[in-house]
Amino acid sequence: AEASDGLEALRVWAELGGQVDLLLTDVVMPHGVNGRELAAQLLERSPA
């Protein structure tokens, strides 16, 4: 599942119901949510 930035990745995550095994993210991304922040938010929701 692809996303062009962190905000879109959060939307895709929600659409998939969090059924994601691996996040592949660039550290630097546009539009307010970088890769580090994205990973932190998603790890809070799914520590595995």
All heavy atoms as atom14 arrays in JSON, in Angstrom:
{
  "sequence": "AEASDGLEALRVWAELGGQVDLLLTDVVMPHGVNGRELAAQLLERSPA",
  "atom14_mask": [
    [1, 1, 1, 1, 1, 0, 0, 0, 0, 0, 0, 0, 0, 0],
    [1, 1, 1, 1, 1, 1, 1, 1, 1, 0, 0, 0, 0, 0],
    [1, 1, 1, 1, 1, 0, 0, 0, 0, 0, 0, 0, 0, 0],
    [1, 1, 1, 1, 1, 1, 0, 0, 0, 0, 0, 0, 0, 0],
    [1, 1, 1, 1, 1, 1, 1, 1, 0, 0, 0, 0, 0, 0],
    [1, 1, 1, 1, 0, 0, 0, 0, 0, 0, 0, 0, 0, 0],
    [1, 1, 1, 1, 1, 1, 1, 1, 0, 0, 0, 0, 0, 0],
    [1, 1, 1, 1, 1, 1, 1, 1, 1, 0, 0, 0, 0, 0],
    [1, 1, 1, 1, 1, 0, 0, 0, 0, 0, 0, 0, 0, 0],
    [1, 1, 1, 1, 1, 1, 1, 1, 0, 0, 0, 0, 0, 0],
    [1, 1, 1, 1, 1, 1, 1, 1, 1, 1, 1, 0, 0, 0],
    [1, 1, 1, 1, 1, 1, 1, 0, 0, 0, 0, 0, 0, 0],
    [1, 1, 1, 1, 1, 1, 1, 1, 1, 1, 1, 1, 1, 1],
    [1, 1, 1, 1, 1, 0, 0, 0, 0, 0, 0, 0, 0, 0],
    [1, 1, 1, 1, 1, 1, 1, 1, 1, 0, 0, 0, 0, 0],
    [1, 1, 1, 1, 1, 1, 1, 1, 0, 0, 0, 0, 0, 0],
    [1, 1, 1, 1, 0, 0, 0, 0, 0, 0, 0, 0, 0, 0],
    [1, 1, 1, 1, 0, 0, 0, 0, 0, 0, 0, 0, 0, 0],
    [1, 1, 1, 1, 1, 1, 1, 1, 1, 0, 0, 0, 0, 0],
    [1, 1, 1, 1, 1, 1, 1, 0, 0, 0, 0, 0, 0, 0],
    [1, 1, 1, 1, 1, 1, 1, 1, 0, 0, 0, 0, 0, 0],
    [1, 1, 1, 1, 1, 1, 1, 1, 0, 0, 0, 0, 0, 0],
    [1, 1, 1, 1, 1, 1, 1, 1, 0, 0, 0, 0, 0, 0],
    [1, 1, 1, 1, 1, 1, 1, 1, 0, 0, 0, 0, 0, 0],
    [1, 1, 1, 1, 1, 1, 1, 0, 0, 0, 0, 0, 0, 0],
    [1, 1, 1, 1, 1, 1, 1, 1, 0, 0, 0, 0, 0, 0],
    [1, 1, 1, 1, 1, 1, 1, 0, 0, 0, 0, 0, 0, 0],
    [1, 1, 1, 1, 1, 1, 1, 0, 0, 0, 0, 0, 0, 0],
    [1, 1, 1, 1, 1, 1, 1, 1, 0, 0, 0, 0, 0, 0],
    [1, 1, 1, 1, 1, 1, 1, 0, 0, 0, 0, 0, 0, 0],
    [1, 1, 1, 1, 1, 1, 1, 1, 1, 1, 0, 0, 0, 0],
    [1, 1, 1, 1, 0, 0, 0, 0, 0, 0, 0, 0, 0, 0],
    [1, 1, 1, 1, 1, 1, 1, 0, 0, 0, 0, 0, 0, 0],
    [1, 1, 1, 1, 1, 1, 1, 1, 0, 0, 0, 0, 0, 0],
    [1, 1, 1, 1, 0, 0, 0, 0, 0, 0, 0, 0, 0, 0],
    [1, 1, 1, 1, 1, 1, 1, 1, 1, 1, 1, 0, 0, 0],
    [1, 1, 1, 1, 1, 1, 1, 1, 1, 0, 0, 0, 0, 0],
    [1, 1, 1, 1, 1, 1, 1, 1, 0, 0, 0, 0, 0, 0],
    [1, 1, 1, 1, 1, 0, 0, 0, 0, 0, 0, 0, 0, 0],
    [1, 1, 1, 1, 1, 0, 0, 0, 0, 0, 0, 0, 0, 0],
    [1, 1, 1, 1, 1, 1, 1, 1, 1, 0, 0, 0, 0, 0],
    [1, 1, 1, 1, 1, 1, 1, 1, 0, 0, 0, 0, 0, 0],
    [1, 1, 1, 1, 1, 1, 1, 1, 0, 0, 0, 0, 0, 0],
    [1, 1, 1, 1, 1, 1, 1, 1, 1, 0, 0, 0, 0, 0],
    [1, 1, 1, 1, 1, 1, 1, 1, 1, 1, 1, 0, 0, 0],
    [1, 1, 1, 1, 1, 1, 0, 0, 0, 0, 0, 0, 0, 0],
    [1, 1, 1, 1, 1, 1, 1, 0, 0, 0, 0, 0, 0, 0],
    [1, 1, 1, 1, 1, 0, 0, 0, 0, 0, 0, 0, 0, 0]
  ],
  "atom14_positions": [
    [[0.88, -1.17, 0.0], [0.0, 0.0, 0.0], [0.92, 1.21, 0.0], [1.82, 1.3, 0.84], [-0.89, 0.0, 1.23], [0.0, 0.0, 0.0], [0.0, 0.0, 0.0], [0.0, 0.0, 0.0], [0.0, 0.0, 0.0], [0.0, 0.0, 0.0], [0.0, 0.0, 0.0], [0.0, 0.0, 0.0], [0.0, 0.0, 0.0], [0.0, 0.0, 0.0]],
    [[0.71, 2.12, -0.93], [1.59, 3.28, -1.08], [0.95, 4.55, -0.53], [-0.27, 4.71, -0.56], [1.91, 3.52, -2.55], [2.75, 2.45, -3.2], [3.07, 2.81, -4.63], [3.79, 3.8, -4.84], [2.58, 2.11, -5.53], [0.0, 0.0, 0.0], [0.0, 0.0, 0.0], [0.0, 0.0, 0.0], [0.0, 0.0, 0.0], [0.0, 0.0, 0.0]],
    [[1.82, 5.45, -0.1], [1.41, 6.79, 0.33], [2.51, 7.76, -0.07], [3.69, 7.44, 0.01], [1.19, 6.82, 1.83], [0.0, 0.0, 0.0], [0.0, 0.0, 0.0], [0.0, 0.0, 0.0], [0.0, 0.0, 0.0], [0.0, 0.0, 0.0], [0.0, 0.0, 0.0], [0.0, 0.0, 0.0], [0.0, 0.0, 0.0], [0.0, 0.0, 0.0]],
    [[2.1, 8.96, -0.47], [3.08, 9.95, -0.95], [3.7, 10.76, 0.18], [4.72, 11.41, -0.02], [2.43, 10.88, -1.97], [1.35, 11.57, -1.37], [0.0, 0.0, 0.0], [0.0, 0.0, 0.0], [0.0, 0.0, 0.0], [0.0, 0.0, 0.0], [0.0, 0.0, 0.0], [0.0, 0.0, 0.0], [0.0, 0.0, 0.0], [0.0, 0.0, 0.0]],
    [[3.08, 10.74, 1.36], [3.63, 11.48, 2.5], [3.07, 10.9, 3.79], [2.25, 9.97, 3.76], [3.34, 12.98, 2.38], [1.86, 13.31, 2.28], [1.07, 12.77, 3.08], [1.48, 14.13, 1.42], [0.0, 0.0, 0.0], [0.0, 0.0, 0.0], [0.0, 0.0, 0.0], [0.0, 0.0, 0.0], [0.0, 0.0, 0.0], [0.0, 0.0, 0.0]],
    [[3.5, 11.43, 4.9], [3.09, 10.91, 6.2], [1.6, 11.01, 6.47], [0.99, 10.09, 7.02], [0.0, 0.0, 0.0], [0.0, 0.0, 0.0], [0.0, 0.0, 0.0], [0.0, 0.0, 0.0], [0.0, 0.0, 0.0], [0.0, 0.0, 0.0], [0.0, 0.0, 0.0], [0.0, 0.0, 0.0], [0.0, 0.0, 0.0], [0.0, 0.0, 0.0]],
    [[1.0, 12.12, 6.08], [-0.45, 12.28, 6.3], [-1.24, 11.25, 5.5], [-2.19, 10.66, 6.01], [-0.88, 13.7, 5.96], [-0.35, 14.81, 6.88], [-0.77, 16.18, 6.37], [-0.82, 14.59, 8.3], [0.0, 0.0, 0.0], [0.0, 0.0, 0.0], [0.0, 0.0, 0.0], [0.0, 0.0, 0.0], [0.0, 0.0, 0.0], [0.0, 0.0, 0.0]],
    [[-0.85, 11.05, 4.26], [-1.52, 10.04, 3.44], [-1.29, 8.66, 4.02], [-2.19, 7.81, 4.01], [-1.05, 10.11, 1.98], [-1.81, 9.15, 1.09], [-1.39, 9.2, -0.37], [-0.52, 10.01, -0.74], [-1.96, 8.41, -1.14], [0.0, 0.0, 0.0], [0.0, 0.0, 0.0], [0.0, 0.0, 0.0], [0.0, 0.0, 0.0], [0.0, 0.0, 0.0]],
    [[-0.1, 8.4, 4.53], [0.19, 7.1, 5.15], [-0.73, 6.84, 6.34], [-1.2, 5.71, 6.52], [1.65, 7.05, 5.58], [0.0, 0.0, 0.0], [0.0, 0.0, 0.0], [0.0, 0.0, 0.0], [0.0, 0.0, 0.0], [0.0, 0.0, 0.0], [0.0, 0.0, 0.0], [0.0, 0.0, 0.0], [0.0, 0.0, 0.0], [0.0, 0.0, 0.0]],
    [[-1.01, 7.86, 7.12], [-1.93, 7.71, 8.25], [-3.34, 7.38, 7.75], [-4.04, 6.55, 8.35], [-1.94, 8.96, 9.12], [-0.66, 9.22, 9.91], [-0.69, 10.6, 10.55], [-0.44, 8.13, 10.95], [0.0, 0.0, 0.0], [0.0, 0.0, 0.0], [0.0, 0.0, 0.0], [0.0, 0.0, 0.0], [0.0, 0.0, 0.0], [0.0, 0.0, 0.0]],
    [[-3.76, 8.0, 6.65], [-5.07, 7.7, 6.06], [-5.11, 6.26, 5.54], [-6.09, 5.53, 5.75], [-5.4, 8.68, 4.94], [-5.82, 10.05, 5.44], [-6.39, 10.91, 4.32], [-5.42, 11.23, 3.29], [-4.57, 12.25, 3.33], [-4.56, 13.06, 4.37], [-3.74, 12.47, 2.35], [0.0, 0.0, 0.0], [0.0, 0.0, 0.0], [0.0, 0.0, 0.0]],
    [[-4.04, 5.84, 4.85], [-3.97, 4.48, 4.31], [-4.01, 3.47, 5.47], [-4.71, 2.46, 5.4], [-2.71, 4.29, 3.44], [-2.5, 2.82, 3.1], [-2.81, 5.13, 2.17], [0.0, 0.0, 0.0], [0.0, 0.0, 0.0], [0.0, 0.0, 0.0], [0.0, 0.0, 0.0], [0.0, 0.0, 0.0], [0.0, 0.0, 0.0], [0.0, 0.0, 0.0]],
    [[-3.27, 3.76, 6.53], [-3.27, 2.89, 7.72], [-4.7, 2.7, 8.24], [-5.12, 1.59, 8.51], [-2.38, 3.51, 8.79], [-2.4, 2.79, 10.11], [-3.28, 2.97, 11.13], [-1.49, 1.79, 10.56], [-2.99, 2.14, 12.17], [-1.88, 1.4, 11.85], [-0.37, 1.19, 9.99], [-1.2, 0.44, 12.59], [0.31, 0.23, 10.73], [-0.11, -0.13, 12.01]],
    [[-5.42, 3.8, 8.34], [-6.79, 3.75, 8.84], [-7.69, 2.95, 7.89], [-8.5, 2.13, 8.34], [-7.35, 5.16, 9.03], [0.0, 0.0, 0.0], [0.0, 0.0, 0.0], [0.0, 0.0, 0.0], [0.0, 0.0, 0.0], [0.0, 0.0, 0.0], [0.0, 0.0, 0.0], [0.0, 0.0, 0.0], [0.0, 0.0, 0.0], [0.0, 0.0, 0.0]],
    [[-7.52, 3.16, 6.58], [-8.31, 2.43, 5.59], [-8.06, 0.93, 5.68], [-8.97, 0.12, 5.46], [-8.0, 2.92, 4.18], [-8.52, 4.3, 3.88], [-8.0, 4.86, 2.56], [-7.37, 4.11, 1.79], [-8.23, 6.05, 2.31], [0.0, 0.0, 0.0], [0.0, 0.0, 0.0], [0.0, 0.0, 0.0], [0.0, 0.0, 0.0], [0.0, 0.0, 0.0]],
    [[-6.83, 0.55, 6.0], [-6.46, -0.86, 6.09], [-6.76, -1.44, 7.48], [-6.46, -2.61, 7.74], [-4.98, -1.05, 5.76], [-4.58, -0.71, 4.33], [-3.06, -0.77, 4.18], [-5.26, -1.65, 3.35], [0.0, 0.0, 0.0], [0.0, 0.0, 0.0], [0.0, 0.0, 0.0], [0.0, 0.0, 0.0], [0.0, 0.0, 0.0], [0.0, 0.0, 0.0]],
    [[-7.29, -0.62, 8.35], [-7.61, -1.08, 9.69], [-6.38, -1.46, 10.5], [-6.47, -2.32, 11.38], [0.0, 0.0, 0.0], [0.0, 0.0, 0.0], [0.0, 0.0, 0.0], [0.0, 0.0, 0.0], [0.0, 0.0, 0.0], [0.0, 0.0, 0.0], [0.0, 0.0, 0.0], [0.0, 0.0, 0.0], [0.0, 0.0, 0.0], [0.0, 0.0, 0.0]],
    [[-5.25, -0.86, 10.16], [-4.02, -1.16, 10.88], [-3.43, -2.52, 10.56], [-2.5, -2.98, 11.21], [0.0, 0.0, 0.0], [0.0, 0.0, 0.0], [0.0, 0.0, 0.0], [0.0, 0.0, 0.0], [0.0, 0.0, 0.0], [0.0, 0.0, 0.0], [0.0, 0.0, 0.0], [0.0, 0.0, 0.0], [0.0, 0.0, 0.0], [0.0, 0.0, 0.0]],
    [[-3.96, -3.18, 9.55], [-3.48, -4.51, 9.16], [-2.23, -4.39, 8.28], [-2.24, -4.72, 7.1], [-4.59, -5.29, 8.44], [-5.81, -5.53, 9.29], [-5.47, -6.38, 10.52], [-4.88, -7.44, 10.42], [-5.86, -5.88, 11.69], [0.0, 0.0, 0.0], [0.0, 0.0, 0.0], [0.0, 0.0, 0.0], [0.0, 0.0, 0.0], [0.0, 0.0, 0.0]],
    [[-1.17, -3.89, 8.88], [0.09, -3.66, 8.19], [1.19, -4.33, 9.01], [1.25, -4.16, 10.22], [0.37, -2.15, 8.05], [1.73, -1.89, 7.44], [-0.74, -1.47, 7.24], [0.0, 0.0, 0.0], [0.0, 0.0, 0.0], [0.0, 0.0, 0.0], [0.0, 0.0, 0.0], [0.0, 0.0, 0.0], [0.0, 0.0, 0.0], [0.0, 0.0, 0.0]],
    [[2.05, -5.08, 8.34], [3.13, -5.78, 9.04], [4.42, -4.97, 9.08], [5.2, -5.1, 10.01], [3.42, -7.12, 8.36], [2.23, -8.06, 8.44], [1.61, -8.15, 9.51], [1.92, -8.69, 7.41], [0.0, 0.0, 0.0], [0.0, 0.0, 0.0], [0.0, 0.0, 0.0], [0.0, 0.0, 0.0], [0.0, 0.0, 0.0], [0.0, 0.0, 0.0]],
    [[4.65, -4.16, 8.02], [5.92, -3.45, 7.9], [5.69, -2.07, 7.3], [4.96, -1.93, 6.33], [6.89, -4.24, 7.0], [8.22, -3.56, 6.77], [9.36, -4.39, 7.35], [8.46, -3.35, 5.29], [0.0, 0.0, 0.0], [0.0, 0.0, 0.0], [0.0, 0.0, 0.0], [0.0, 0.0, 0.0], [0.0, 0.0, 0.0], [0.0, 0.0, 0.0]],
    [[6.34, -1.09, 7.9], [6.33, 0.28, 7.37], [7.7, 0.55, 6.77], [8.71, 0.4, 7.44], [6.07, 1.27, 8.51], [6.26, 2.76, 8.18], [5.22, 3.23, 7.17], [6.21, 3.59, 9.45], [0.0, 0.0, 0.0], [0.0, 0.0, 0.0], [0.0, 0.0, 0.0], [0.0, 0.0, 0.0], [0.0, 0.0, 0.0], [0.0, 0.0, 0.0]],
    [[7.72, 0.92, 5.5], [8.95, 1.35, 4.82], [8.77, 2.83, 4.56], [7.91, 3.23, 3.77], [9.13, 0.57, 3.51], [10.28, 0.98, 2.6], [11.62, 0.84, 3.31], [10.27, 0.13, 1.34], [0.0, 0.0, 0.0], [0.0, 0.0, 0.0], [0.0, 0.0, 0.0], [0.0, 0.0, 0.0], [0.0, 0.0, 0.0], [0.0, 0.0, 0.0]],
    [[9.56, 3.65, 5.25], [9.34, 5.1, 5.18], [10.64, 5.86, 5.05], [11.66, 5.47, 5.61], [8.58, 5.59, 6.43], [8.35, 6.99, 6.32], [9.35, 5.32, 7.72], [0.0, 0.0, 0.0], [0.0, 0.0, 0.0], [0.0, 0.0, 0.0], [0.0, 0.0, 0.0], [0.0, 0.0, 0.0], [0.0, 0.0, 0.0], [0.0, 0.0, 0.0]],
    [[10.57, 6.95, 4.31], [11.7, 7.86, 4.25], [11.72, 8.64, 5.56], [10.67, 8.94, 6.13], [11.53, 8.82, 3.07], [12.86, 9.43, 2.64], [13.56, 9.99, 3.5], [13.17, 9.35, 1.46], [0.0, 0.0, 0.0], [0.0, 0.0, 0.0], [0.0, 0.0, 0.0], [0.0, 0.0, 0.0], [0.0, 0.0, 0.0], [0.0, 0.0, 0.0]],
    [[12.9, 8.95, 6.05], [13.01, 9.73, 7.29], [12.47, 11.13, 7.07], [11.75, 11.68, 7.9], [14.49, 9.78, 7.77], [14.63, 10.7, 8.97], [14.98, 8.38, 8.12], [0.0, 0.0, 0.0], [0.0, 0.0, 0.0], [0.0, 0.0, 0.0], [0.0, 0.0, 0.0], [0.0, 0.0, 0.0], [0.0, 0.0, 0.0], [0.0, 0.0, 0.0]],
    [[12.79, 11.71, 5.91], [12.36, 13.08, 5.6], [11.21, 13.03, 4.62], [11.33, 12.46, 3.54], [13.53, 13.89, 4.98], [13.08, 15.29, 4.62], [14.72, 13.93, 5.93], [0.0, 0.0, 0.0], [0.0, 0.0, 0.0], [0.0, 0.0, 0.0], [0.0, 0.0, 0.0], [0.0, 0.0, 0.0], [0.0, 0.0, 0.0], [0.0, 0.0, 0.0]],
    [[10.06, 13.59, 5.03], [8.89, 13.63, 4.16], [8.21, 14.99, 4.29], [8.32, 15.64, 5.33], [7.89, 12.53, 4.53], [8.38, 11.15, 4.21], [7.09, 9.9, 4.35], [6.7, 9.96, 6.08], [0.0, 0.0, 0.0], [0.0, 0.0, 0.0], [0.0, 0.0, 0.0], [0.0, 0.0, 0.0], [0.0, 0.0, 0.0], [0.0, 0.0, 0.0]],
    [[7.49, 15.38, 3.25], [6.8, 16.68, 3.28], [5.49, 16.63, 4.06], [5.04, 15.56, 4.46], [6.52, 16.94, 1.8], [6.35, 15.58, 1.22], [7.33, 14.71, 1.97], [0.0, 0.0, 0.0], [0.0, 0.0, 0.0], [0.0, 0.0, 0.0], [0.0, 0.0, 0.0], [0.0, 0.0, 0.0], [0.0, 0.0, 0.0], [0.0, 0.0, 0.0]],
    [[4.91, 17.76, 4.26], [3.56, 17.95, 4.79], [3.38, 17.6, 6.26], [2.36, 17.06, 6.66], [2.52, 17.21, 3.93], [2.6, 17.61, 2.49], [2.82, 16.7, 1.51], [2.51, 18.81, 1.88], [2.86, 17.32, 0.35], [2.67, 18.61, 0.55], [0.0, 0.0, 0.0], [0.0, 0.0, 0.0], [0.0, 0.0, 0.0], [0.0, 0.0, 0.0]],
    [[4.37, 17.91, 7.07], [4.15, 17.92, 8.51], [4.35, 16.65, 9.3], [4.43, 16.71, 10.5], [0.0, 0.0, 0.0], [0.0, 0.0, 0.0], [0.0, 0.0, 0.0], [0.0, 0.0, 0.0], [0.0, 0.0, 0.0], [0.0, 0.0, 0.0], [0.0, 0.0, 0.0], [0.0, 0.0, 0.0], [0.0, 0.0, 0.0], [0.0, 0.0, 0.0]],
    [[4.39, 15.48, 8.67], [4.63, 14.25, 9.41], [5.81, 13.55, 8.74], [5.69, 13.0, 7.65], [3.39, 13.32, 9.39], [3.68, 12.02, 10.13], [2.19, 14.02, 10.01], [0.0, 0.0, 0.0], [0.0, 0.0, 0.0], [0.0, 0.0, 0.0], [0.0, 0.0, 0.0], [0.0, 0.0, 0.0], [0.0, 0.0, 0.0], [0.0, 0.0, 0.0]],
    [[6.97, 13.58, 9.41], [8.13, 12.91, 8.83], [8.11, 11.42, 9.18], [7.23, 10.95, 9.91], [9.43, 13.6, 9.25], [9.72, 13.47, 10.73], [9.5, 12.43, 11.35], [10.25, 14.54, 11.32], [0.0, 0.0, 0.0], [0.0, 0.0, 0.0], [0.0, 0.0, 0.0], [0.0, 0.0, 0.0], [0.0, 0.0, 0.0], [0.0, 0.0, 0.0]],
    [[9.06, 10.68, 8.65], [9.08, 9.24, 8.84], [9.21, 8.83, 10.29], [8.61, 7.84, 10.73], [0.0, 0.0, 0.0], [0.0, 0.0, 0.0], [0.0, 0.0, 0.0], [0.0, 0.0, 0.0], [0.0, 0.0, 0.0], [0.0, 0.0, 0.0], [0.0, 0.0, 0.0], [0.0, 0.0, 0.0], [0.0, 0.0, 0.0], [0.0, 0.0, 0.0]],
    [[10.0, 9.55, 11.02], [10.19, 9.26, 12.44], [8.87, 9.42, 13.21], [8.49, 8.57, 14.02], [11.21, 10.25, 13.0], [12.21, 9.69, 13.92], [13.11, 10.83, 14.37], [14.23, 10.95, 13.48], [15.49, 10.94, 13.87], [15.77, 10.85, 15.13], [16.45, 11.03, 13.01], [0.0, 0.0, 0.0], [0.0, 0.0, 0.0], [0.0, 0.0, 0.0]],
    [[8.18, 10.53, 12.94], [6.9, 10.79, 13.6], [5.84, 9.77, 13.18], [5.05, 9.3, 14.01], [6.43, 12.2, 13.28], [7.33, 13.28, 13.86], [7.11, 14.65, 13.23], [6.54, 14.74, 12.12], [7.54, 15.63, 13.85], [0.0, 0.0, 0.0], [0.0, 0.0, 0.0], [0.0, 0.0, 0.0], [0.0, 0.0, 0.0], [0.0, 0.0, 0.0]],
    [[5.83, 9.45, 11.89], [4.89, 8.46, 11.38], [5.1, 7.12, 12.08], [4.14, 6.51, 12.58], [5.05, 8.29, 9.87], [4.24, 7.19, 9.21], [2.75, 7.44, 9.36], [4.63, 7.06, 7.74], [0.0, 0.0, 0.0], [0.0, 0.0, 0.0], [0.0, 0.0, 0.0], [0.0, 0.0, 0.0], [0.0, 0.0, 0.0], [0.0, 0.0, 0.0]],
    [[6.34, 6.67, 12.13], [6.63, 5.39, 12.79], [6.22, 5.42, 14.26], [5.62, 4.46, 14.75], [8.11, 5.06, 12.64], [0.0, 0.0, 0.0], [0.0, 0.0, 0.0], [0.0, 0.0, 0.0], [0.0, 0.0, 0.0], [0.0, 0.0, 0.0], [0.0, 0.0, 0.0], [0.0, 0.0, 0.0], [0.0, 0.0, 0.0], [0.0, 0.0, 0.0]],
    [[6.52, 6.5, 14.94], [6.17, 6.61, 16.37], [4.66, 6.5, 16.56], [4.19, 5.77, 17.45], [6.7, 7.92, 16.95], [0.0, 0.0, 0.0], [0.0, 0.0, 0.0], [0.0, 0.0, 0.0], [0.0, 0.0, 0.0], [0.0, 0.0, 0.0], [0.0, 0.0, 0.0], [0.0, 0.0, 0.0], [0.0, 0.0, 0.0], [0.0, 0.0, 0.0]],
    [[3.9, 7.2, 15.73], [2.44, 7.15, 15.85], [1.9, 5.74, 15.58], [1.03, 5.25, 16.29], [1.78, 8.14, 14.89], [1.94, 9.58, 15.3], [1.18, 10.51, 14.37], [0.07, 10.23, 13.96], [1.81, 11.64, 14.03], [0.0, 0.0, 0.0], [0.0, 0.0, 0.0], [0.0, 0.0, 0.0], [0.0, 0.0, 0.0], [0.0, 0.0, 0.0]],
    [[2.44, 5.1, 14.55], [1.94, 3.77, 14.19], [2.39, 2.72, 15.2], [1.65, 1.78, 15.49], [2.37, 3.41, 12.77], [1.8, 4.32, 11.68], [2.24, 3.83, 10.3], [0.29, 4.44, 11.76], [0.0, 0.0, 0.0], [0.0, 0.0, 0.0], [0.0, 0.0, 0.0], [0.0, 0.0, 0.0], [0.0, 0.0, 0.0], [0.0, 0.0, 0.0]],
    [[3.59, 2.87, 15.75], [4.06, 1.93, 16.77], [3.25, 2.03, 18.05], [3.09, 1.04, 18.77], [5.55, 2.14, 17.04], [6.48, 1.57, 15.97], [7.89, 2.14, 16.12], [6.5, 0.05, 16.01], [0.0, 0.0, 0.0], [0.0, 0.0, 0.0], [0.0, 0.0, 0.0], [0.0, 0.0, 0.0], [0.0, 0.0, 0.0], [0.0, 0.0, 0.0]],
    [[2.72, 3.22, 18.35], [1.84, 3.36, 19.51], [0.57, 2.53, 19.31], [0.05, 1.94, 20.25], [1.45, 4.82, 19.71], [2.5, 5.67, 20.36], [2.04, 7.1, 20.56], [0.82, 7.37, 20.51], [2.93, 7.96, 20.77], [0.0, 0.0, 0.0], [0.0, 0.0, 0.0], [0.0, 0.0, 0.0], [0.0, 0.0, 0.0], [0.0, 0.0, 0.0]],
    [[0.1, 2.49, 18.07], [-1.12, 1.75, 17.74], [-0.87, 0.26, 17.57], [-1.76, -0.56, 17.81], [-1.74, 2.31, 16.46], [-2.12, 3.78, 16.6], [-2.52, 4.37, 15.28], [-2.61, 5.81, 15.41], [-2.9, 6.62, 14.41], [-3.14, 6.13, 13.21], [-2.95, 7.91, 14.59], [0.0, 0.0, 0.0], [0.0, 0.0, 0.0], [0.0, 0.0, 0.0]],
    [[0.34, -0.07, 17.09], [0.68, -1.46, 16.81], [2.15, -1.7, 17.15], [3.01, -1.59, 16.28], [0.41, -1.78, 15.33], [0.73, -3.11, 15.05], [0.0, 0.0, 0.0], [0.0, 0.0, 0.0], [0.0, 0.0, 0.0], [0.0, 0.0, 0.0], [0.0, 0.0, 0.0], [0.0, 0.0, 0.0], [0.0, 0.0, 0.0], [0.0, 0.0, 0.0]],
    [[2.44, -2.02, 18.41], [3.84, -2.17, 18.85], [4.62, -3.25, 18.11], [5.85, -3.22, 18.09], [3.71, -2.53, 20.33], [2.38, -1.99, 20.74], [1.5, -2.14, 19.52], [0.0, 0.0, 0.0], [0.0, 0.0, 0.0], [0.0, 0.0, 0.0], [0.0, 0.0, 0.0], [0.0, 0.0, 0.0], [0.0, 0.0, 0.0], [0.0, 0.0, 0.0]],
    [[3.94, -4.2, 17.48], [4.63, -5.27, 16.74], [5.0, -4.86, 15.32], [5.65, -5.64, 14.6], [3.76, -6.52, 16.71], [0.0, 0.0, 0.0], [0.0, 0.0, 0.0], [0.0, 0.0, 0.0], [0.0, 0.0, 0.0], [0.0, 0.0, 0.0], [0.0, 0.0, 0.0], [0.0, 0.0, 0.0], [0.0, 0.0, 0.0], [0.0, 0.0, 0.0]]
  ]
}
